[in-house]
Amino acid sequence: MRNSSTEKVIRHRDRLRASGMRPIQLWVPDTRTSEYAARIERQCLALRNDRAEIDVLAFSEAAAADIEGWK
């Protein structure tokens, strides 16, 4: 026998499928691990003083300055 929360989830998913949606499973990096933090640090250090990175950051900052209320 199913509990009511399981039945609600099933009905919700059925409605989504009926509207043309389909479920997917999405895997993302586990940001809680020390290995993740070390990898991000290595990538950031590799980008330090990179001309392309400096250009992208300058462009992003200029674009953000055009958005009212962005700080």
PDB file of N, CA and C in Angstrom:
ATOM      1  N   MET A   1       0.837  -1.177   0.000  1.00  0.00           N
ATOM      2  CA  MET A   1       0.000   0.000   0.000  1.00  0.00           C
ATOM      3  C   MET A   1       0.888   1.249   0.000  1.00  0.00           C
ATOM      4  N   ARG A   2       0.539   2.217  -0.814  1.00  0.00           N
ATOM      5  CA  ARG A   2       1.307   3.444  -0.908  1.00  0.00           C
ATOM      6  C   ARG A   2       0.809   4.465   0.096  1.00  0.00           C
ATOM      7  N   ASN A   3       1.750   5.296   0.593  1.00  0.00           N
ATOM      8  CA  ASN A   3       1.307   6.369   1.483  1.00  0.00           C
ATOM      9  C   ASN A   3       0.864   7.561   0.645  1.00  0.00           C
ATOM     10  N   SER A   4       0.226   8.534   1.272  1.00  0.00           N
ATOM     11  CA  SER A   4      -0.373   9.623   0.513  1.00  0.00           C
ATOM     12  C   SER A   4       0.681  10.500  -0.167  1.00  0.00           C
ATOM     13  N   SER A   5       1.854  10.684   0.435  1.00  0.00           N
ATOM     14  CA  SER A   5       2.865  11.515  -0.208  1.00  0.00           C
ATOM     15  C   SER A   5       3.387  10.840  -1.474  1.00  0.00           C
ATOM     16  N   THR A   6       3.534   9.529  -1.452  1.00  0.00           N
ATOM     17  CA  THR A   6       3.961   8.798  -2.651  1.00  0.00           C
ATOM     18  C   THR A   6       2.926   8.947  -3.753  1.00  0.00           C
ATOM     19  N   GLU A   7       1.669   8.849  -3.389  1.00  0.00           N
ATOM     20  CA  GLU A   7       0.597   9.001  -4.375  1.00  0.00           C
ATOM     21  C   GLU A   7       0.587  10.413  -4.958  1.00  0.00           C
ATOM     22  N   LYS A   8       0.832  11.413  -4.139  1.00  0.00           N
ATOM     23  CA  LYS A   8       0.882  12.798  -4.628  1.00  0.00           C
ATOM     24  C   LYS A   8       2.011  12.973  -5.631  1.00  0.00           C
ATOM     25  N   VAL A   9       3.165  12.390  -5.322  1.00  0.00           N
ATOM     26  CA  VAL A   9       4.313  12.482  -6.227  1.00  0.00           C
ATOM     27  C   VAL A   9       3.982  11.805  -7.553  1.00  0.00           C
ATOM     28  N   ILE A  10       3.376  10.648  -7.497  1.00  0.00           N
ATOM     29  CA  ILE A  10       3.014   9.917  -8.716  1.00  0.00           C
ATOM     30  C   ILE A  10       2.041  10.737  -9.553  1.00  0.00           C
ATOM     31  N   ARG A  11       1.024  11.308  -8.912  1.00  0.00           N
ATOM     32  CA  ARG A  11       0.054  12.134  -9.647  1.00  0.00           C
ATOM     33  C   ARG A  11       0.731  13.361 -10.258  1.00  0.00           C
ATOM     34  N   HIS A  12       1.608  13.980  -9.490  1.00  0.00           N
ATOM     35  CA  HIS A  12       2.325  15.155  -9.986  1.00  0.00           C
ATOM     36  C   HIS A  12       3.161  14.789 -11.210  1.00  0.00           C
ATOM     37  N   ARG A  13       3.885  13.700 -11.133  1.00  0.00           N
ATOM     38  CA  ARG A  13       4.708  13.266 -12.260  1.00  0.00           C
ATOM     39  C   ARG A  13       3.843  12.894 -13.463  1.00  0.00           C
ATOM     40  N   ASP A  14       2.710  12.270 -13.204  1.00  0.00           N
ATOM     41  CA  ASP A  14       1.796  11.932 -14.296  1.00  0.00           C
ATOM     42  C   ASP A  14       1.288  13.191 -15.002  1.00  0.00           C
ATOM     43  N   ARG A  15       0.985  14.238 -14.217  1.00  0.00           N
ATOM     44  CA  ARG A  15       0.536  15.508 -14.816  1.00  0.00           C
ATOM     45  C   ARG A  15       1.647  16.127 -15.657  1.00  0.00           C
ATOM     46  N   LEU A  16       2.871  16.079 -15.157  1.00  0.00           N
ATOM     47  CA  LEU A  16       3.990  16.613 -15.919  1.00  0.00           C
ATOM     48  C   LEU A  16       4.180  15.843 -17.224  1.00  0.00           C
ATOM     49  N   ARG A  17       4.113  14.528 -17.147  1.00  0.00           N
ATOM     50  CA  ARG A  17       4.255  13.713 -18.365  1.00  0.00           C
ATOM     51  C   ARG A  17       3.137  14.036 -19.350  1.00  0.00           C
ATOM     52  N   ALA A  18       1.914  14.200 -18.834  1.00  0.00           N
ATOM     53  CA  ALA A  18       0.773  14.510 -19.698  1.00  0.00           C
ATOM     54  C   ALA A  18       0.936  15.861 -20.383  1.00  0.00           C
ATOM     55  N   SER A  19       1.696  16.759 -19.771  1.00  0.00           N
ATOM     56  CA  SER A  19       1.916  18.072 -20.380  1.00  0.00           C
ATOM     57  C   SER A  19       3.138  18.072 -21.311  1.00  0.00           C
ATOM     58  N   GLY A  20       3.716  16.884 -21.556  1.00  0.00           N
ATOM     59  CA  GLY A  20       4.821  16.779 -22.498  1.00  0.00           C
ATOM     60  C   GLY A  20       6.202  16.803 -21.870  1.00  0.00           C
ATOM     61  N   MET A  21       6.286  16.772 -20.560  1.00  0.00           N
ATOM     62  CA  MET A  21       7.580  16.787 -19.879  1.00  0.00           C
ATOM     63  C   MET A  21       8.056  15.354 -19.666  1.00  0.00           C
ATOM     64  N   ARG A  22       9.360  15.214 -19.474  1.00  0.00           N
ATOM     65  CA  ARG A  22       9.901  13.906 -19.131  1.00  0.00           C
ATOM     66  C   ARG A  22      10.963  14.078 -18.060  1.00  0.00           C
ATOM     67  N   PRO A  23      11.100  13.102 -17.169  1.00  0.00           N
ATOM     68  CA  PRO A  23      12.099  13.216 -16.105  1.00  0.00           C
ATOM     69  C   PRO A  23      13.502  12.893 -16.631  1.00  0.00           C
ATOM     70  N   ILE A  24      14.476  13.535 -16.034  1.00  0.00           N
ATOM     71  CA  ILE A  24      15.868  13.219 -16.329  1.00  0.00           C
ATOM     72  C   ILE A  24      16.625  13.139 -15.009  1.00  0.00           C
ATOM     73  N   GLN A  25      17.754  12.499 -15.040  1.00  0.00           N
ATOM     74  CA  GLN A  25      18.615  12.454 -13.871  1.00  0.00           C
ATOM     75  C   GLN A  25      19.830  13.300 -14.187  1.00  0.00           C
ATOM     76  N   LEU A  26      20.171  14.197 -13.297  1.00  0.00           N
ATOM     77  CA  LEU A  26      21.264  15.128 -13.530  1.00  0.00           C
ATOM     78  C   LEU A  26      22.297  14.954 -12.433  1.00  0.00           C
ATOM     79  N   TRP A  27      23.521  14.686 -12.846  1.00  0.00           N
ATOM     80  CA  TRP A  27      24.612  14.520 -11.900  1.00  0.00           C
ATOM     81  C   TRP A  27      25.468  15.775 -11.918  1.00  0.00           C
ATOM     82  N   VAL A  28      25.801  16.272 -10.755  1.00  0.00           N
ATOM     83  CA  VAL A  28      26.629  17.474 -10.634  1.00  0.00           C
ATOM     84  C   VAL A  28      27.783  17.172  -9.675  1.00  0.00           C
ATOM     85  N   PRO A  29      28.860  17.957  -9.756  1.00  0.00           N
ATOM     86  CA  PRO A  29      29.973  17.723  -8.825  1.00  0.00           C
ATOM     87  C   PRO A  29      29.524  17.879  -7.373  1.00  0.00           C
ATOM     88  N   ASP A  30      30.098  17.077  -6.508  1.00  0.00           N
ATOM     89  CA  ASP A  30      29.809  17.175  -5.075  1.00  0.00           C
ATOM     90  C   ASP A  30      30.672  18.285  -4.501  1.00  0.00           C
ATOM     91  N   THR A  31      30.074  19.448  -4.298  1.00  0.00           N
ATOM     92  CA  THR A  31      30.817  20.621  -3.842  1.00  0.00           C
ATOM     93  C   THR A  31      31.239  20.530  -2.383  1.00  0.00           C
ATOM     94  N   ARG A  32      30.834  19.480  -1.701  1.00  0.00           N
ATOM     95  CA  ARG A  32      31.180  19.338  -0.280  1.00  0.00           C
ATOM     96  C   ARG A  32      32.522  18.662  -0.055  1.00  0.00           C
ATOM     97  N   THR A  33      33.116  18.117  -1.109  1.00  0.00           N
ATOM     98  CA  THR A  33      34.359  17.363  -0.927  1.00  0.00           C
ATOM     99  C   THR A  33      35.588  18.258  -0.981  1.00  0.00           C
ATOM    100  N   SER A  34      36.629  17.839  -0.299  1.00  0.00           N
ATOM    101  CA  SER A  34      37.887  18.588  -0.342  1.00  0.00           C
ATOM    102  C   SER A  34      38.517  18.493  -1.730  1.00  0.00           C
ATOM    103  N   GLU A  35      38.282  17.386  -2.430  1.00  0.00           N
ATOM    104  CA  GLU A  35      38.818  17.238  -3.781  1.00  0.00           C
ATOM    105  C   GLU A  35      38.221  18.293  -4.710  1.00  0.00           C
ATOM    106  N   TYR A  36      36.948  18.590  -4.539  1.00  0.00           N
ATOM    107  CA  TYR A  36      36.293  19.615  -5.359  1.00  0.00           C
ATOM    108  C   TYR A  36      36.923  20.975  -5.081  1.00  0.00           C
ATOM    109  N   ALA A  37      37.080  21.309  -3.829  1.00  0.00           N
ATOM    110  CA  ALA A  37      37.666  22.602  -3.462  1.00  0.00           C
ATOM    111  C   ALA A  37      39.084  22.723  -4.027  1.00  0.00           C
ATOM    112  N   ALA A  38      39.860  21.658  -3.964  1.00  0.00           N
ATOM    113  CA  ALA A  38      41.230  21.686  -4.491  1.00  0.00           C
ATOM    114  C   ALA A  38      41.221  21.862  -6.004  1.00  0.00           C
ATOM    115  N   ARG A  39      40.308  21.201  -6.678  1.00  0.00           N
ATOM    116  CA  ARG A  39      40.223  21.325  -8.138  1.00  0.00           C
ATOM    117  C   ARG A  39      39.847  22.751  -8.540  1.00  0.00           C
ATOM    118  N   ILE A  40      38.900  23.351  -7.832  1.00  0.00           N
ATOM    119  CA  ILE A  40      38.496  24.729  -8.121  1.00  0.00           C
ATOM    120  C   ILE A  40      39.673  25.673  -7.875  1.00  0.00           C
ATOM    121  N   GLU A  41      40.384  25.456  -6.792  1.00  0.00           N
ATOM    122  CA  GLU A  41      41.538  26.312  -6.501  1.00  0.00           C
ATOM    123  C   GLU A  41      42.582  26.216  -7.611  1.00  0.00           C
ATOM    124  N   ARG A  42      42.868  24.987  -8.081  1.00  0.00           N
ATOM    125  CA  ARG A  42      43.834  24.815  -9.172  1.00  0.00           C
ATOM    126  C   ARG A  42      43.365  25.538 -10.436  1.00  0.00           C
ATOM    127  N   GLN A  43      42.086  25.430 -10.735  1.00  0.00           N
ATOM    128  CA  GLN A  43      41.561  26.082 -11.935  1.00  0.00           C
ATOM    129  C   GLN A  43      41.629  27.599 -11.812  1.00  0.00           C
ATOM    130  N   CYS A  44      41.311  28.124 -10.642  1.00  0.00           N
ATOM    131  CA  CYS A  44      41.382  29.572 -10.431  1.00  0.00           C
ATOM    132  C   CYS A  44      42.815  30.076 -10.551  1.00  0.00           C
ATOM    133  N   LEU A  45      43.741  29.341  -9.967  1.00  0.00           N
ATOM    134  CA  LEU A  45      45.145  29.744 -10.055  1.00  0.00           C
ATOM    135  C   LEU A  45      45.648  29.682 -11.497  1.00  0.00           C
ATOM    136  N   ALA A  46      45.179  28.703 -12.249  1.00  0.00           N
ATOM    137  CA  ALA A  46      45.595  28.590 -13.650  1.00  0.00           C
ATOM    138  C   ALA A  46      45.075  29.763 -14.477  1.00  0.00           C
ATOM    139  N   LEU A  47      43.966  30.360 -14.062  1.00  0.00           N
ATOM    140  CA  LEU A  47      43.386  31.491 -14.797  1.00  0.00           C
ATOM    141  C   LEU A  47      43.951  32.835 -14.367  1.00  0.00           C
ATOM    142  N   ARG A  48      44.709  32.853 -13.294  1.00  0.00           N
ATOM    143  CA  ARG A  48      45.271  34.113 -12.806  1.00  0.00           C
ATOM    144  C   ARG A  48      46.123  34.746 -13.897  1.00  0.00           C
ATOM    145  N   ASN A  49      45.853  36.009 -14.173  1.00  0.00           N
ATOM    146  CA  ASN A  49      46.568  36.796 -15.181  1.00  0.00           C
ATOM    147  C   ASN A  49      46.389  36.292 -16.610  1.00  0.00           C
ATOM    148  N   ASP A  50      45.409  35.406 -16.828  1.00  0.00           N
ATOM    149  CA  ASP A  50      45.116  34.944 -18.179  1.00  0.00           C
ATOM    150  C   ASP A  50      44.382  36.061 -18.927  1.00  0.00           C
ATOM    151  N   ARG A  51      44.879  36.455 -20.099  1.00  0.00           N
ATOM    152  CA  ARG A  51      44.308  37.592 -20.828  1.00  0.00           C
ATOM    153  C   ARG A  51      42.835  37.376 -21.155  1.00  0.00           C
ATOM    154  N   ALA A  52      42.486  36.181 -21.597  1.00  0.00           N
ATOM    155  CA  ALA A  52      41.085  35.899 -21.934  1.00  0.00           C
ATOM    156  C   ALA A  52      40.200  36.003 -20.692  1.00  0.00           C
ATOM    157  N   GLU A  53      40.673  35.508 -19.563  1.00  0.00           N
ATOM    158  CA  GLU A  53      39.909  35.577 -18.313  1.00  0.00           C
ATOM    159  C   GLU A  53      39.717  37.028 -17.879  1.00  0.00           C
ATOM    160  N   ILE A  54      40.766  37.819 -18.009  1.00  0.00           N
ATOM    161  CA  ILE A  54      40.676  39.243 -17.646  1.00  0.00           C
ATOM    162  C   ILE A  54      39.636  39.935 -18.527  1.00  0.00           C
ATOM    163  N   ASP A  55      39.633  39.621 -19.831  1.00  0.00           N
ATOM    164  CA  ASP A  55      38.652  40.209 -20.748  1.00  0.00           C
ATOM    165  C   ASP A  55      37.224  39.799 -20.384  1.00  0.00           C
ATOM    166  N   VAL A  56      37.036  38.537 -20.075  1.00  0.00           N
ATOM    167  CA  VAL A  56      35.699  38.050 -19.713  1.00  0.00           C
ATOM    168  C   VAL A  56      35.212  38.713 -18.423  1.00  0.00           C
ATOM    169  N   LEU A  57      36.081  38.816 -17.444  1.00  0.00           N
ATOM    170  CA  LEU A  57      35.695  39.463 -16.187  1.00  0.00           C
ATOM    171  C   LEU A  57      35.352  40.934 -16.400  1.00  0.00           C
ATOM    172  N   ALA A  58      36.139  41.630 -17.217  1.00  0.00           N
ATOM    173  CA  ALA A  58      35.858  43.035 -17.497  1.00  0.00           C
ATOM    174  C   ALA A  58      34.519  43.182 -18.212  1.00  0.00           C
ATOM    175  N   PHE A  59      34.257  42.311 -19.173  1.00  0.00           N
ATOM    176  CA  PHE A  59      32.982  42.343 -19.885  1.00  0.00           C
ATOM    177  C   PHE A  59      31.818  42.074 -18.934  1.00  0.00           C
ATOM    178  N   SER A  60      31.964  41.068 -18.069  1.00  0.00           N
ATOM    179  CA  SER A  60      30.910  40.715 -17.118  1.00  0.00           C
ATOM    180  C   SER A  60      30.637  41.863 -16.148  1.00  0.00           C
ATOM    181  N   GLU A  61      31.679  42.488 -15.666  1.00  0.00           N
ATOM    182  CA  GLU A  61      31.511  43.606 -14.738  1.00  0.00           C
ATOM    183  C   GLU A  61      30.843  44.790 -15.423  1.00  0.00           C
ATOM    184  N   ALA A  62      31.213  45.063 -16.675  1.00  0.00           N
ATOM    185  CA  ALA A  62      30.582  46.156 -17.416  1.00  0.00           C
ATOM    186  C   ALA A  62      29.112  45.856 -17.669  1.00  0.00           C
ATOM    187  N   ALA A  63      28.804  44.614 -18.008  1.00  0.00           N
ATOM    188  CA  ALA A  63      27.414  44.236 -18.245  1.00  0.00           C
ATOM    189  C   ALA A  63      26.598  44.333 -16.955  1.00  0.00           C
ATOM    190  N   ALA A  64      27.184  43.898 -15.850  1.00  0.00           N
ATOM    191  CA  ALA A  64      26.474  43.955 -14.562  1.00  0.00           C
ATOM    192  C   ALA A  64      26.231  45.396 -14.140  1.00  0.00           C
ATOM    193  N   ALA A  65      27.149  46.290 -14.503  1.00  0.00           N
ATOM    194  CA  ALA A  65      26.988  47.699 -14.145  1.00  0.00           C
ATOM    195  C   ALA A  65      25.769  48.308 -14.835  1.00  0.00           C
ATOM    196  N   ASP A  66      25.349  47.729 -15.963  1.00  0.00           N
ATOM    197  CA  ASP A  66      24.169  48.209 -16.694  1.00  0.00           C
ATOM    198  C   ASP A  66      22.864  47.731 -16.073  1.00  0.00           C
ATOM    199  N   ILE A  67      22.934  46.828 -15.108  1.00  0.00           N
ATOM    200  CA  ILE A  67      21.725  46.286 -14.485  1.00  0.00           C
ATOM    201  C   ILE A  67      21.433  47.097 -13.220  1.00  0.00           C
ATOM    202  N   GLU A  68      20.264  47.696 -13.194  1.00  0.00           N
ATOM    203  CA  GLU A  68      19.898  48.532 -12.061  1.00  0.00           C
ATOM    204  C   GLU A  68      19.867  47.696 -10.778  1.00  0.00           C
ATOM    205  N   GLY A  69      20.513  48.189  -9.744  1.00  0.00           N
ATOM    206  CA  GLY A  69      20.502  47.524  -8.458  1.00  0.00           C
ATOM    207  C   GLY A  69      21.594  46.464  -8.275  1.00  0.00           C
ATOM    208  N   TRP A  70      22.351  46.177  -9.336  1.00  0.00           N
ATOM    209  CA  TRP A  70      23.403  45.164  -9.235  1.00  0.00           C
ATOM    210  C   TRP A  70      24.640  45.778  -8.580  1.00  0.00           C
ATOM    211  N   LYS A  71      25.169  45.084  -7.609  1.00  0.00           N
ATOM    212  CA  LYS A  71      26.373  45.585  -6.933  1.00  0.00           C
ATOM    213  C   LYS A  71      27.362  44.472  -6.797  1.00  0.00           C
TER     214      LYS A  71
END
